[in-house]
Amino acid sequence: MANYTSLKVIELKELLKERDLGVSGTKPELVARLEEDDAKRAATAGTAGSEPAVADAAADAVDAGADSTAVATETPTVATAPAAEAAPATATSPIVVDSEPVVVSETTASEPAAASTETSESKESDTEAVIAELEKRVNRLNKYGQPEEAAELTRKIERIKKLGLGEYKNADKVLKTVKNKSDSSVTKKSAASKYNIPEDVLAKRKARFASST
């Protein structure tokens, strides 16, 4: 960079005019203006000088890319050979099967059996209740001098004992009667408990009612 401080003001202005720069101001301002212009010119020259180097670098990069493409094209041929050899090992590798036993819930498995047991017990209970009611009716028929009706009903009882309630078409009605009597008995017991009637008094009342009928 030139030493503009050693020049006179007139000389500095001449240089500024040649560069189409302003000539106004003090000597330090003129010097600073020239030095700033020199710096800009040096930067422009440096940029222009670096362009060929950038172009060379780009060309090198293109060449390197071409080389890598060629290498990449050849690489699959080398890589596929081991894969082809390894294929039989993959095909013959054993398949691991989960050997854990399937546990069946004991609760779930036992539910149908429990339901079946309850149904069977319910049928047996109904059968016993019907037979007991019909036997009471047989006793009443015999008591009131109706032996033929009592014998017919006895035969039905024996048939029920052998074949079940399905053979007696009035089974539902008898069961309903049994249920009503049971409910009535519970109501009577509740009334006796409510009014604190002694058991011996209840027994005497039942005896009197039975003798009157």
C-alpha atoms as a PDB file:
ATOM      1  CA  MET A   1       0.000   0.000   0.000  1.00  0.00           C
ATOM      2  CA  ALA A   2       1.377   3.502  -0.970  1.00  0.00           C
ATOM      3  CA  ASN A   3       2.420   6.012   1.704  1.00  0.00           C
ATOM      4  CA  TYR A   4       0.032   8.856   0.965  1.00  0.00           C
ATOM      5  CA  THR A   5       0.957  10.858   4.047  1.00  0.00           C
ATOM      6  CA  SER A   6       4.218  11.996   2.412  1.00  0.00           C
ATOM      7  CA  LEU A   7       2.341  13.574  -0.512  1.00  0.00           C
ATOM      8  CA  LYS A   8       1.017  17.072  -0.646  1.00  0.00           C
ATOM      9  CA  VAL A   9      -2.681  17.930  -0.669  1.00  0.00           C
ATOM     10  CA  ILE A  10      -2.553  18.907  -4.354  1.00  0.00           C
ATOM     11  CA  GLU A  11      -0.996  15.560  -5.239  1.00  0.00           C
ATOM     12  CA  LEU A  12      -3.573  13.690  -3.189  1.00  0.00           C
ATOM     13  CA  LYS A  13      -6.417  15.511  -4.968  1.00  0.00           C
ATOM     14  CA  GLU A  14      -4.898  14.646  -8.362  1.00  0.00           C
ATOM     15  CA  LEU A  15      -4.908  10.954  -7.418  1.00  0.00           C
ATOM     16  CA  LEU A  16      -8.488  11.211  -6.220  1.00  0.00           C
ATOM     17  CA  LYS A  17      -9.586  12.838  -9.487  1.00  0.00           C
ATOM     18  CA  GLU A  18      -7.949  10.036 -11.468  1.00  0.00           C
ATOM     19  CA  ARG A  19     -10.006   7.521  -9.469  1.00  0.00           C
ATOM     20  CA  ASP A  20     -13.195   9.580  -9.725  1.00  0.00           C
ATOM     21  CA  LEU A  21     -13.262  10.105  -5.977  1.00  0.00           C
ATOM     22  CA  GLY A  22     -14.209  13.223  -4.014  1.00  0.00           C
ATOM     23  CA  VAL A  23     -11.469  15.846  -3.450  1.00  0.00           C
ATOM     24  CA  SER A  24     -13.025  17.753  -0.553  1.00  0.00           C
ATOM     25  CA  GLY A  25     -11.840  17.532   3.025  1.00  0.00           C
ATOM     26  CA  THR A  26      -8.649  17.720   5.027  1.00  0.00           C
ATOM     27  CA  LYS A  27      -5.419  15.918   4.217  1.00  0.00           C
ATOM     28  CA  PRO A  28      -6.098  13.017   6.636  1.00  0.00           C
ATOM     29  CA  GLU A  29      -9.533  12.546   5.051  1.00  0.00           C
ATOM     30  CA  LEU A  30      -8.014  12.500   1.561  1.00  0.00           C
ATOM     31  CA  VAL A  31      -5.390   9.961   2.662  1.00  0.00           C
ATOM     32  CA  ALA A  32      -8.056   7.775   4.281  1.00  0.00           C
ATOM     33  CA  ARG A  33     -10.151   7.949   1.101  1.00  0.00           C
ATOM     34  CA  LEU A  34      -7.233   6.762  -1.050  1.00  0.00           C
ATOM     35  CA  GLU A  35      -6.291   3.976   1.382  1.00  0.00           C
ATOM     36  CA  GLU A  36      -9.935   2.789   1.470  1.00  0.00           C
ATOM     37  CA  ASP A  37     -10.005   2.709  -2.321  1.00  0.00           C
ATOM     38  CA  ASP A  38      -6.752   0.719  -2.384  1.00  0.00           C
ATOM     39  CA  ALA A  39      -8.237  -1.818   0.052  1.00  0.00           C
ATOM     40  CA  LYS A  40     -11.330  -2.264  -2.144  1.00  0.00           C
ATOM     41  CA  ARG A  41      -9.187  -2.780  -5.237  1.00  0.00           C
ATOM     42  CA  ALA A  42      -7.007  -5.321  -3.432  1.00  0.00           C
ATOM     43  CA  ALA A  43     -10.096  -7.257  -2.305  1.00  0.00           C
ATOM     44  CA  THR A  44     -11.507  -7.272  -5.854  1.00  0.00           C
ATOM     45  CA  ALA A  45      -8.184  -8.498  -7.240  1.00  0.00           C
ATOM     46  CA  GLY A  46      -8.021 -11.258  -4.613  1.00  0.00           C
ATOM     47  CA  THR A  47     -11.545 -12.485  -5.504  1.00  0.00           C
ATOM     48  CA  ALA A  48     -10.708 -12.553  -9.192  1.00  0.00           C
ATOM     49  CA  GLY A  49      -7.512 -14.462  -8.503  1.00  0.00           C
ATOM     50  CA  SER A  50      -9.348 -17.095  -6.398  1.00  0.00           C
ATOM     51  CA  GLU A  51     -11.884 -17.949  -9.121  1.00  0.00           C
ATOM     52  CA  PRO A  52      -9.487 -20.212 -11.094  1.00  0.00           C
ATOM     53  CA  ALA A  53      -8.630 -22.094  -7.912  1.00  0.00           C
ATOM     54  CA  VAL A  54     -12.318 -22.628  -7.196  1.00  0.00           C
ATOM     55  CA  ALA A  55     -12.867 -23.868 -10.727  1.00  0.00           C
ATOM     56  CA  ASP A  56      -9.962 -26.306 -10.377  1.00  0.00           C
ATOM     57  CA  ALA A  57     -11.376 -27.580  -7.073  1.00  0.00           C
ATOM     58  CA  ALA A  58     -14.816 -28.119  -8.685  1.00  0.00           C
ATOM     59  CA  ALA A  59     -13.194 -30.047 -11.533  1.00  0.00           C
ATOM     60  CA  ASP A  60     -11.319 -32.217  -9.063  1.00  0.00           C
ATOM     61  CA  ALA A  61     -14.566 -32.905  -7.208  1.00  0.00           C
ATOM     62  CA  VAL A  62     -16.278 -33.960 -10.447  1.00  0.00           C
ATOM     63  CA  ASP A  63     -13.411 -36.296 -11.259  1.00  0.00           C
ATOM     64  CA  ALA A  64     -13.503 -37.772  -7.762  1.00  0.00           C
ATOM     65  CA  GLY A  65     -17.277 -38.312  -8.074  1.00  0.00           C
ATOM     66  CA  ALA A  66     -16.811 -40.124 -11.325  1.00  0.00           C
ATOM     67  CA  ASP A  67     -14.196 -42.372  -9.771  1.00  0.00           C
ATOM     68  CA  SER A  68     -16.424 -43.158  -6.779  1.00  0.00           C
ATOM     69  CA  THR A  69     -19.323 -43.966  -9.121  1.00  0.00           C
ATOM     70  CA  ALA A  70     -17.179 -46.440 -10.951  1.00  0.00           C
ATOM     71  CA  VAL A  71     -16.115 -48.054  -7.674  1.00  0.00           C
ATOM     72  CA  ALA A  72     -19.704 -48.175  -6.469  1.00  0.00           C
ATOM     73  CA  THR A  73     -20.783 -49.859  -9.688  1.00  0.00           C
ATOM     74  CA  GLU A  74     -18.249 -52.615  -9.211  1.00  0.00           C
ATOM     75  CA  THR A  75     -18.935 -53.047  -5.483  1.00  0.00           C
ATOM     76  CA  PRO A  76     -22.375 -54.848  -5.719  1.00  0.00           C
ATOM     77  CA  THR A  77     -20.781 -57.673  -7.724  1.00  0.00           C
ATOM     78  CA  VAL A  78     -18.339 -58.328  -4.899  1.00  0.00           C
ATOM     79  CA  ALA A  79     -20.972 -57.902  -2.162  1.00  0.00           C
ATOM     80  CA  THR A  80     -23.584 -60.213  -3.671  1.00  0.00           C
ATOM     81  CA  ALA A  81     -21.331 -63.253  -3.724  1.00  0.00           C
ATOM     82  CA  PRO A  82     -21.233 -63.723   0.084  1.00  0.00           C
ATOM     83  CA  ALA A  83     -24.987 -63.068   0.266  1.00  0.00           C
ATOM     84  CA  ALA A  84     -25.667 -65.855  -2.216  1.00  0.00           C
ATOM     85  CA  GLU A  85     -23.495 -68.234  -0.227  1.00  0.00           C
ATOM     86  CA  ALA A  86     -25.175 -67.291   3.047  1.00  0.00           C
ATOM     87  CA  ALA A  87     -28.694 -67.911   1.677  1.00  0.00           C
ATOM     88  CA  PRO A  88     -28.685 -71.697   2.298  1.00  0.00           C
ATOM     89  CA  ALA A  89     -27.664 -71.160   5.937  1.00  0.00           C
ATOM     90  CA  THR A  90     -30.611 -68.818   6.414  1.00  0.00           C
ATOM     91  CA  ALA A  91     -33.000 -71.259   4.748  1.00  0.00           C
ATOM     92  CA  THR A  92     -31.827 -74.226   6.823  1.00  0.00           C
ATOM     93  CA  SER A  93     -31.707 -72.368  10.135  1.00  0.00           C
ATOM     94  CA  PRO A  94     -34.076 -74.006  12.662  1.00  0.00           C
ATOM     95  CA  ILE A  95     -37.350 -72.278  13.474  1.00  0.00           C
ATOM     96  CA  VAL A  96     -37.775 -71.753  17.188  1.00  0.00           C
ATOM     97  CA  VAL A  97     -41.300 -72.522  18.324  1.00  0.00           C
ATOM     98  CA  ASP A  98     -42.632 -71.236  21.607  1.00  0.00           C
ATOM     99  CA  SER A  99     -42.850 -74.363  23.724  1.00  0.00           C
ATOM    100  CA  GLU A 100     -44.636 -72.832  26.699  1.00  0.00           C
ATOM    101  CA  PRO A 101     -47.818 -74.811  27.477  1.00  0.00           C
ATOM    102  CA  VAL A 102     -51.147 -73.089  27.180  1.00  0.00           C
ATOM    103  CA  VAL A 103     -52.639 -72.868  30.654  1.00  0.00           C
ATOM    104  CA  VAL A 104     -56.400 -73.246  30.763  1.00  0.00           C
ATOM    105  CA  SER A 105     -58.017 -71.312  33.536  1.00  0.00           C
ATOM    106  CA  GLU A 106     -59.370 -73.726  36.118  1.00  0.00           C
ATOM    107  CA  THR A 107     -62.163 -71.311  36.975  1.00  0.00           C
ATOM    108  CA  THR A 108     -63.319 -71.047  33.353  1.00  0.00           C
ATOM    109  CA  ALA A 109     -63.125 -74.784  32.788  1.00  0.00           C
ATOM    110  CA  SER A 110     -65.089 -75.572  35.936  1.00  0.00           C
ATOM    111  CA  GLU A 111     -67.907 -73.078  35.299  1.00  0.00           C
ATOM    112  CA  PRO A 112     -69.920 -75.327  32.885  1.00  0.00           C
ATOM    113  CA  ALA A 113     -69.616 -78.258  35.275  1.00  0.00           C
ATOM    114  CA  ALA A 114     -70.771 -76.109  38.207  1.00  0.00           C
ATOM    115  CA  ALA A 115     -73.717 -74.779  36.195  1.00  0.00           C
ATOM    116  CA  SER A 116     -74.671 -78.318  35.166  1.00  0.00           C
ATOM    117  CA  THR A 117     -74.534 -79.455  38.797  1.00  0.00           C
ATOM    118  CA  GLU A 118     -76.736 -76.586  39.932  1.00  0.00           C
ATOM    119  CA  THR A 119     -79.296 -77.348  37.198  1.00  0.00           C
ATOM    120  CA  SER A 120     -79.380 -81.025  38.139  1.00  0.00           C
ATOM    121  CA  GLU A 121     -79.810 -80.208  41.824  1.00  0.00           C
ATOM    122  CA  SER A 122     -82.593 -77.752  40.994  1.00  0.00           C
ATOM    123  CA  LYS A 123     -84.457 -80.403  38.980  1.00  0.00           C
ATOM    124  CA  GLU A 124     -84.116 -82.931  41.789  1.00  0.00           C
ATOM    125  CA  SER A 125     -85.390 -80.392  44.285  1.00  0.00           C
ATOM    126  CA  ASP A 126     -88.404 -79.581  42.095  1.00  0.00           C
ATOM    127  CA  THR A 127     -89.158 -83.279  41.643  1.00  0.00           C
ATOM    128  CA  GLU A 128     -89.046 -83.905  45.385  1.00  0.00           C
ATOM    129  CA  ALA A 129     -91.284 -80.900  46.040  1.00  0.00           C
ATOM    130  CA  VAL A 130     -93.898 -82.067  43.492  1.00  0.00           C
ATOM    131  CA  ILE A 131     -93.882 -85.629  44.838  1.00  0.00           C
ATOM    132  CA  ALA A 132     -94.298 -84.379  48.408  1.00  0.00           C
ATOM    133  CA  GLU A 133     -97.249 -82.174  47.396  1.00  0.00           C
ATOM    134  CA  LEU A 134     -98.912 -84.968  45.428  1.00  0.00           C
ATOM    135  CA  GLU A 135     -98.512 -87.398  48.355  1.00  0.00           C
ATOM    136  CA  LYS A 136    -100.283 -84.882  50.572  1.00  0.00           C
ATOM    137  CA  ARG A 137    -103.103 -84.765  48.061  1.00  0.00           C
ATOM    138  CA  VAL A 138    -103.296 -88.573  48.035  1.00  0.00           C
ATOM    139  CA  ASN A 139    -103.677 -88.544  51.808  1.00  0.00           C
ATOM    140  CA  ARG A 140    -106.471 -85.969  51.591  1.00  0.00           C
ATOM    141  CA  LEU A 141    -108.272 -87.975  48.900  1.00  0.00           C
ATOM    142  CA  ASN A 142    -108.106 -91.113  51.027  1.00  0.00           C
ATOM    143  CA  LYS A 143    -109.284 -89.130  54.043  1.00  0.00           C
ATOM    144  CA  TYR A 144    -112.332 -87.800  52.238  1.00  0.00           C
ATOM    145  CA  GLY A 145    -113.315 -91.145  50.674  1.00  0.00           C
ATOM    146  CA  GLN A 146    -111.963 -90.823  47.158  1.00  0.00           C
ATOM    147  CA  PRO A 147    -109.803 -93.942  46.798  1.00  0.00           C
ATOM    148  CA  GLU A 148    -109.990 -94.112  42.999  1.00  0.00           C
ATOM    149  CA  GLU A 149    -108.641 -90.586  42.580  1.00  0.00           C
ATOM    150  CA  ALA A 150    -106.027 -91.354  45.228  1.00  0.00           C
ATOM    151  CA  ALA A 151    -104.910 -94.502  43.347  1.00  0.00           C
ATOM    152  CA  GLU A 152    -104.688 -92.595  40.054  1.00  0.00           C
ATOM    153  CA  LEU A 153    -102.587 -89.902  41.650  1.00  0.00           C
ATOM    154  CA  THR A 154    -100.378 -92.535  43.275  1.00  0.00           C
ATOM    155  CA  ARG A 155     -99.649 -94.054  39.859  1.00  0.00           C
ATOM    156  CA  LYS A 156     -98.650 -90.614  38.602  1.00  0.00           C
ATOM    157  CA  ILE A 157     -96.279 -90.233  41.553  1.00  0.00           C
ATOM    158  CA  GLU A 158     -94.594 -93.535  40.723  1.00  0.00           C
ATOM    159  CA  ARG A 159     -94.261 -92.473  37.084  1.00  0.00           C
ATOM    160  CA  ILE A 160     -92.650 -89.183  38.123  1.00  0.00           C
ATOM    161  CA  LYS A 161     -90.175 -91.039  40.336  1.00  0.00           C
ATOM    162  CA  LYS A 162     -89.125 -93.200  37.392  1.00  0.00           C
ATOM    163  CA  LEU A 163     -89.240 -90.768  34.477  1.00  0.00           C
ATOM    164  CA  GLY A 164     -89.058 -87.319  36.031  1.00  0.00           C
ATOM    165  CA  LEU A 165     -91.311 -84.275  35.938  1.00  0.00           C
ATOM    166  CA  GLY A 166     -91.418 -84.239  32.144  1.00  0.00           C
ATOM    167  CA  GLU A 167     -94.034 -86.997  32.271  1.00  0.00           C
ATOM    168  CA  TYR A 168     -96.404 -84.946  34.440  1.00  0.00           C
ATOM    169  CA  LYS A 169     -98.114 -82.144  32.513  1.00  0.00           C
ATOM    170  CA  ASN A 170     -99.326 -80.344  35.655  1.00  0.00           C
ATOM    171  CA  ALA A 171     -95.870 -80.143  37.206  1.00  0.00           C
ATOM    172  CA  ASP A 172     -95.663 -76.349  36.772  1.00  0.00           C
ATOM    173  CA  LYS A 173     -98.988 -75.826  38.546  1.00  0.00           C
ATOM    174  CA  VAL A 174     -97.949 -78.058  41.424  1.00  0.00           C
ATOM    175  CA  LEU A 175     -94.634 -76.244  41.765  1.00  0.00           C
ATOM    176  CA  LYS A 176     -96.474 -72.938  41.825  1.00  0.00           C
ATOM    177  CA  THR A 177     -98.735 -74.258  44.593  1.00  0.00           C
ATOM    178  CA  VAL A 178     -95.705 -75.459  46.561  1.00  0.00           C
ATOM    179  CA  LYS A 179     -94.045 -72.045  46.197  1.00  0.00           C
ATOM    180  CA  ASN A 180     -97.180 -70.234  47.321  1.00  0.00           C
ATOM    181  CA  LYS A 181     -97.441 -72.450  50.379  1.00  0.00           C
ATOM    182  CA  SER A 182     -93.783 -71.875  51.165  1.00  0.00           C
ATOM    183  CA  ASP A 183     -94.225 -68.108  50.886  1.00  0.00           C
ATOM    184  CA  SER A 184     -97.339 -68.295  53.074  1.00  0.00           C
ATOM    185  CA  SER A 185     -95.433 -70.293  55.685  1.00  0.00           C
ATOM    186  CA  VAL A 186     -92.668 -67.709  55.742  1.00  0.00           C
ATOM    187  CA  THR A 187     -95.259 -64.952  56.139  1.00  0.00           C
ATOM    188  CA  LYS A 188     -96.888 -66.768  59.057  1.00  0.00           C
ATOM    189  CA  LYS A 189     -93.558 -67.283  60.750  1.00  0.00           C
ATOM    190  CA  SER A 190     -92.758 -63.614  60.262  1.00  0.00           C
ATOM    191  CA  ALA A 191     -96.111 -62.667  61.815  1.00  0.00           C
ATOM    192  CA  ALA A 192     -95.527 -64.976  64.773  1.00  0.00           C
ATOM    193  CA  SER A 193     -92.103 -63.475  65.305  1.00  0.00           C
ATOM    194  CA  LYS A 194     -93.529 -59.969  64.979  1.00  0.00           C
ATOM    195  CA  TYR A 195     -96.234 -60.468  67.632  1.00  0.00           C
ATOM    196  CA  ASN A 196     -94.096 -62.734  69.851  1.00  0.00           C
ATOM    197  CA  ILE A 197     -96.601 -65.630  69.789  1.00  0.00           C
ATOM    198  CA  PRO A 198     -95.218 -68.586  71.772  1.00  0.00           C
ATOM    199  CA  GLU A 199     -94.538 -71.811  69.920  1.00  0.00           C
ATOM    200  CA  ASP A 200     -96.890 -73.870  72.108  1.00  0.00           C
ATOM    201  CA  VAL A 201     -99.767 -71.522  71.362  1.00  0.00           C
ATOM    202  CA  LEU A 202     -99.096 -71.817  67.640  1.00  0.00           C
ATOM    203  CA  ALA A 203     -98.997 -75.610  67.954  1.00  0.00           C
ATOM    204  CA  LYS A 204    -102.404 -75.669  69.731  1.00  0.00           C
ATOM    205  CA  ARG A 205    -103.916 -73.444  67.053  1.00  0.00           C
ATOM    206  CA  LYS A 206    -102.606 -75.717  64.328  1.00  0.00           C
ATOM    207  CA  ALA A 207    -104.025 -78.781  66.136  1.00  0.00           C
ATOM    208  CA  ARG A 208    -107.454 -77.172  66.477  1.00  0.00           C
ATOM    209  CA  PHE A 209    -107.442 -76.165  62.803  1.00  0.00           C
ATOM    210  CA  ALA A 210    -106.443 -79.695  61.723  1.00  0.00           C
ATOM    211  CA  SER A 211    -109.180 -81.314  63.823  1.00  0.00           C
ATOM    212  CA  SER A 212    -111.824 -78.956  62.447  1.00  0.00           C
ATOM    213  CA  THR A 213    -110.983 -79.845  58.865  1.00  0.00           C
END
